[in-house]
Amino acid sequence: MARLVENPDLAFRLARAIVSDVALYNPEKVEEGIKNDSIFTLMTDELDEGRQHFLSRVSPDLADREHLYERAIVDVMIKQAGKIESSIW
């Protein structure tokens, strides 16, 4: 079994990579979710699957590991979608 990630910086990088893959494989859903301000509802299954993968690779002793994944969603999917026309910005 692979060692669990214990370093918060490495865990955040892993979270960003996972969320990047989710976005890469679902560009239409990302665009629709941003346009309609429904990204979290529209991509619940994909984001939950990514979260489970992340949690399986990161030590449960790492403080705020759930927060790291949530931050990655905002950094990767929300901030980078600023070019998509939306009523929320």
N, C-alpha and C. Protein backbone atom coordinates (compact mmCIF):
# COMPACT_ATOMS: atom_id res chain seq x y z
N MET A 1 0.83 -1.19 0.00
CA MET A 1 0.00 0.00 0.00
C MET A 1 0.88 1.25 0.00
N ALA A 2 0.49 2.22 -0.77
CA ALA A 2 1.25 3.47 -0.86
C ALA A 2 1.12 4.26 0.43
N ARG A 3 2.15 5.01 0.74
CA ARG A 3 2.11 5.86 1.93
C ARG A 3 1.11 6.99 1.74
N LEU A 4 0.47 7.36 2.81
CA LEU A 4 -0.49 8.46 2.77
C LEU A 4 0.26 9.78 2.83
N VAL A 5 -0.27 10.76 2.14
CA VAL A 5 0.31 12.10 2.13
C VAL A 5 0.06 12.75 3.49
N GLU A 6 1.13 13.27 4.08
CA GLU A 6 1.02 13.92 5.40
C GLU A 6 1.37 15.39 5.35
N ASN A 7 2.00 15.82 4.27
CA ASN A 7 2.41 17.21 4.11
C ASN A 7 1.25 18.01 3.52
N PRO A 8 0.84 19.11 4.18
CA PRO A 8 -0.31 19.88 3.68
C PRO A 8 -0.09 20.47 2.29
N ASP A 9 1.13 20.88 1.98
CA ASP A 9 1.40 21.44 0.65
C ASP A 9 1.25 20.37 -0.43
N LEU A 10 1.76 19.18 -0.16
CA LEU A 10 1.62 18.08 -1.12
C LEU A 10 0.17 17.64 -1.23
N ALA A 11 -0.54 17.65 -0.12
CA ALA A 11 -1.96 17.28 -0.15
C ALA A 11 -2.76 18.28 -0.99
N PHE A 12 -2.43 19.56 -0.87
CA PHE A 12 -3.13 20.57 -1.67
C PHE A 12 -2.82 20.40 -3.15
N ARG A 13 -1.58 20.08 -3.47
CA ARG A 13 -1.22 19.83 -4.86
C ARG A 13 -1.97 18.62 -5.41
N LEU A 14 -2.10 17.59 -4.59
CA LEU A 14 -2.87 16.41 -5.00
C LEU A 14 -4.33 16.79 -5.24
N ALA A 15 -4.90 17.56 -4.34
CA ALA A 15 -6.29 17.99 -4.49
C ALA A 15 -6.47 18.78 -5.77
N ARG A 16 -5.55 19.69 -6.07
CA ARG A 16 -5.64 20.48 -7.30
C ARG A 16 -5.54 19.59 -8.53
N ALA A 17 -4.68 18.58 -8.48
CA ALA A 17 -4.53 17.67 -9.62
C ALA A 17 -5.83 16.87 -9.84
N ILE A 18 -6.42 16.41 -8.76
CA ILE A 18 -7.66 15.64 -8.87
C ILE A 18 -8.78 16.51 -9.44
N VAL A 19 -8.92 17.72 -8.91
CA VAL A 19 -9.97 18.63 -9.39
C VAL A 19 -9.70 19.03 -10.84
N SER A 20 -8.44 19.20 -11.19
CA SER A 20 -8.10 19.51 -12.59
C SER A 20 -8.55 18.40 -13.52
N ASP A 21 -8.35 17.16 -13.10
CA ASP A 21 -8.81 16.03 -13.91
C ASP A 21 -10.33 16.02 -14.04
N VAL A 22 -11.02 16.28 -12.94
CA VAL A 22 -12.48 16.33 -12.98
C VAL A 22 -12.93 17.38 -13.99
N ALA A 23 -12.32 18.56 -13.94
CA ALA A 23 -12.68 19.64 -14.87
C ALA A 23 -12.31 19.29 -16.30
N LEU A 24 -11.16 18.67 -16.48
CA LEU A 24 -10.68 18.31 -17.82
C LEU A 24 -11.62 17.33 -18.51
N TYR A 25 -12.15 16.39 -17.77
CA TYR A 25 -13.01 15.37 -18.35
C TYR A 25 -14.48 15.78 -18.41
N ASN A 26 -14.81 16.95 -17.89
CA ASN A 26 -16.20 17.42 -17.88
C ASN A 26 -16.32 18.89 -18.25
N PRO A 27 -15.71 19.32 -19.36
CA PRO A 27 -15.70 20.75 -19.67
C PRO A 27 -17.09 21.33 -19.90
N GLU A 28 -17.98 20.55 -20.50
CA GLU A 28 -19.33 21.07 -20.75
C GLU A 28 -20.08 21.31 -19.43
N LYS A 29 -19.93 20.37 -18.49
CA LYS A 29 -20.59 20.53 -17.20
C LYS A 29 -20.02 21.73 -16.44
N VAL A 30 -18.71 21.92 -16.51
CA VAL A 30 -18.09 23.06 -15.84
C VAL A 30 -18.66 24.35 -16.41
N GLU A 31 -18.68 24.46 -17.73
CA GLU A 31 -19.18 25.68 -18.37
C GLU A 31 -20.65 25.91 -18.03
N GLU A 32 -21.47 24.88 -18.13
CA GLU A 32 -22.89 25.02 -17.80
C GLU A 32 -23.08 25.38 -16.33
N GLY A 33 -22.31 24.74 -15.46
CA GLY A 33 -22.43 25.01 -14.03
C GLY A 33 -22.04 26.43 -13.66
N ILE A 34 -21.02 26.95 -14.32
CA ILE A 34 -20.61 28.34 -14.07
C ILE A 34 -21.67 29.30 -14.63
N LYS A 35 -22.10 29.05 -15.86
CA LYS A 35 -23.09 29.93 -16.48
C LYS A 35 -24.37 30.02 -15.66
N ASN A 36 -24.80 28.90 -15.10
CA ASN A 36 -26.08 28.84 -14.40
C ASN A 36 -25.94 28.86 -12.88
N ASP A 37 -24.73 29.11 -12.39
CA ASP A 37 -24.45 29.13 -10.95
C ASP A 37 -24.96 27.86 -10.27
N SER A 38 -24.64 26.71 -10.90
CA SER A 38 -25.09 25.42 -10.36
C SER A 38 -23.98 24.38 -10.39
N ILE A 39 -22.75 24.83 -10.37
CA ILE A 39 -21.62 23.91 -10.54
C ILE A 39 -21.59 22.82 -9.48
N PHE A 40 -21.89 23.16 -8.24
CA PHE A 40 -21.81 22.17 -7.17
C PHE A 40 -22.95 21.15 -7.27
N THR A 41 -24.10 21.58 -7.70
CA THR A 41 -25.23 20.67 -7.88
C THR A 41 -25.00 19.80 -9.12
N LEU A 42 -24.60 20.43 -10.19
CA LEU A 42 -24.42 19.74 -11.46
C LEU A 42 -23.30 18.69 -11.40
N MET A 43 -22.26 18.97 -10.63
CA MET A 43 -21.09 18.10 -10.61
C MET A 43 -20.93 17.36 -9.27
N THR A 44 -22.01 17.17 -8.56
CA THR A 44 -21.95 16.50 -7.26
C THR A 44 -21.25 15.15 -7.34
N ASP A 45 -21.66 14.31 -8.27
CA ASP A 45 -21.09 12.96 -8.36
C ASP A 45 -19.60 13.00 -8.67
N GLU A 46 -19.20 13.82 -9.63
CA GLU A 46 -17.80 13.89 -10.03
C GLU A 46 -16.94 14.45 -8.89
N LEU A 47 -17.42 15.50 -8.25
CA LEU A 47 -16.66 16.10 -7.16
C LEU A 47 -16.59 15.18 -5.95
N ASP A 48 -17.65 14.45 -5.67
CA ASP A 48 -17.63 13.48 -4.57
C ASP A 48 -16.67 12.33 -4.85
N GLU A 49 -16.65 11.87 -6.09
CA GLU A 49 -15.71 10.80 -6.45
C GLU A 49 -14.26 11.29 -6.28
N GLY A 50 -13.99 12.51 -6.73
CA GLY A 50 -12.67 13.09 -6.55
C GLY A 50 -12.32 13.25 -5.08
N ARG A 51 -13.28 13.67 -4.28
CA ARG A 51 -13.06 13.84 -2.84
C ARG A 51 -12.70 12.51 -2.19
N GLN A 52 -13.42 11.45 -2.55
CA GLN A 52 -13.13 10.13 -1.98
C GLN A 52 -11.73 9.66 -2.36
N HIS A 53 -11.34 9.91 -3.60
CA HIS A 53 -9.99 9.56 -4.03
C HIS A 53 -8.96 10.34 -3.21
N PHE A 54 -9.20 11.64 -3.07
CA PHE A 54 -8.29 12.50 -2.29
C PHE A 54 -8.17 11.99 -0.85
N LEU A 55 -9.30 11.73 -0.22
CA LEU A 55 -9.29 11.28 1.18
C LEU A 55 -8.61 9.92 1.33
N SER A 56 -8.67 9.10 0.31
CA SER A 56 -8.01 7.79 0.38
C SER A 56 -6.50 7.89 0.29
N ARG A 57 -6.01 9.02 -0.21
CA ARG A 57 -4.57 9.21 -0.41
C ARG A 57 -3.91 10.10 0.64
N VAL A 58 -4.74 10.77 1.46
CA VAL A 58 -4.22 11.73 2.44
C VAL A 58 -4.46 11.21 3.85
N SER A 59 -3.48 11.38 4.69
CA SER A 59 -3.57 10.92 6.07
C SER A 59 -4.76 11.56 6.78
N PRO A 60 -5.55 10.75 7.50
CA PRO A 60 -6.67 11.31 8.27
C PRO A 60 -6.20 12.22 9.41
N ASP A 61 -4.92 12.13 9.75
CA ASP A 61 -4.37 12.98 10.81
C ASP A 61 -4.05 14.40 10.33
N LEU A 62 -4.09 14.63 9.03
CA LEU A 62 -3.78 15.94 8.48
C LEU A 62 -4.93 16.90 8.77
N ALA A 63 -4.63 17.94 9.50
CA ALA A 63 -5.66 18.93 9.86
C ALA A 63 -6.22 19.58 8.60
N ASP A 64 -7.52 19.80 8.59
CA ASP A 64 -8.20 20.51 7.51
C ASP A 64 -8.07 19.85 6.14
N ARG A 65 -7.96 18.55 6.10
CA ARG A 65 -7.80 17.92 4.78
C ARG A 65 -9.04 18.12 3.91
N GLU A 66 -10.23 18.14 4.50
CA GLU A 66 -11.45 18.42 3.72
C GLU A 66 -11.40 19.84 3.14
N HIS A 67 -10.91 20.76 3.94
CA HIS A 67 -10.81 22.16 3.50
C HIS A 67 -9.85 22.29 2.31
N LEU A 68 -8.80 21.50 2.29
CA LEU A 68 -7.84 21.55 1.18
C LEU A 68 -8.53 21.18 -0.13
N TYR A 69 -9.38 20.18 -0.10
CA TYR A 69 -10.08 19.77 -1.32
C TYR A 69 -11.06 20.85 -1.76
N GLU A 70 -11.77 21.44 -0.81
CA GLU A 70 -12.72 22.51 -1.14
C GLU A 70 -11.98 23.71 -1.74
N ARG A 71 -10.83 24.06 -1.17
CA ARG A 71 -10.02 25.17 -1.72
C ARG A 71 -9.59 24.86 -3.15
N ALA A 72 -9.23 23.62 -3.40
CA ALA A 72 -8.80 23.23 -4.74
C ALA A 72 -9.94 23.40 -5.75
N ILE A 73 -11.16 23.08 -5.34
CA ILE A 73 -12.32 23.26 -6.24
C ILE A 73 -12.44 24.73 -6.62
N VAL A 74 -12.33 25.60 -5.65
CA VAL A 74 -12.45 27.04 -5.92
C VAL A 74 -11.28 27.50 -6.80
N ASP A 75 -10.07 27.11 -6.45
CA ASP A 75 -8.89 27.54 -7.21
C ASP A 75 -8.92 27.04 -8.65
N VAL A 76 -9.27 25.80 -8.84
CA VAL A 76 -9.16 25.19 -10.16
C VAL A 76 -10.41 25.43 -11.01
N MET A 77 -11.58 25.21 -10.46
CA MET A 77 -12.79 25.27 -11.27
C MET A 77 -13.43 26.65 -11.29
N ILE A 78 -13.47 27.30 -10.17
CA ILE A 78 -14.20 28.57 -10.09
C ILE A 78 -13.34 29.73 -10.57
N LYS A 79 -12.17 29.91 -10.00
CA LYS A 79 -11.32 31.04 -10.38
C LYS A 79 -10.92 30.99 -11.85
N GLN A 80 -10.59 29.81 -12.33
CA GLN A 80 -10.14 29.70 -13.71
C GLN A 80 -11.28 29.81 -14.72
N ALA A 81 -12.50 29.78 -14.23
CA ALA A 81 -13.66 29.90 -15.12
C ALA A 81 -14.10 31.34 -15.27
N GLY A 82 -13.30 32.29 -14.85
CA GLY A 82 -13.65 33.70 -14.93
C GLY A 82 -13.93 34.18 -16.33
N LYS A 83 -13.46 33.48 -17.32
CA LYS A 83 -13.69 33.86 -18.72
C LYS A 83 -15.05 33.40 -19.23
N ILE A 84 -15.72 32.56 -18.47
CA ILE A 84 -17.05 32.08 -18.86
C ILE A 84 -18.09 33.10 -18.43
N GLU A 85 -18.94 33.51 -19.35
CA GLU A 85 -19.99 34.49 -19.06
C GLU A 85 -20.94 33.91 -18.01
N SER A 86 -21.19 34.69 -16.96
CA SER A 86 -22.03 34.21 -15.88
C SER A 86 -22.72 35.39 -15.20
N SER A 87 -23.90 35.14 -14.67
CA SER A 87 -24.60 36.19 -13.95
C SER A 87 -24.01 36.45 -12.57
N ILE A 88 -23.13 35.54 -12.10
CA ILE A 88 -22.55 35.73 -10.77
C ILE A 88 -21.31 36.60 -10.78
N TRP A 89 -20.79 36.96 -11.97
CA TRP A 89 -19.70 37.92 -12.06
C TRP A 89 -19.71 38.68 -13.34
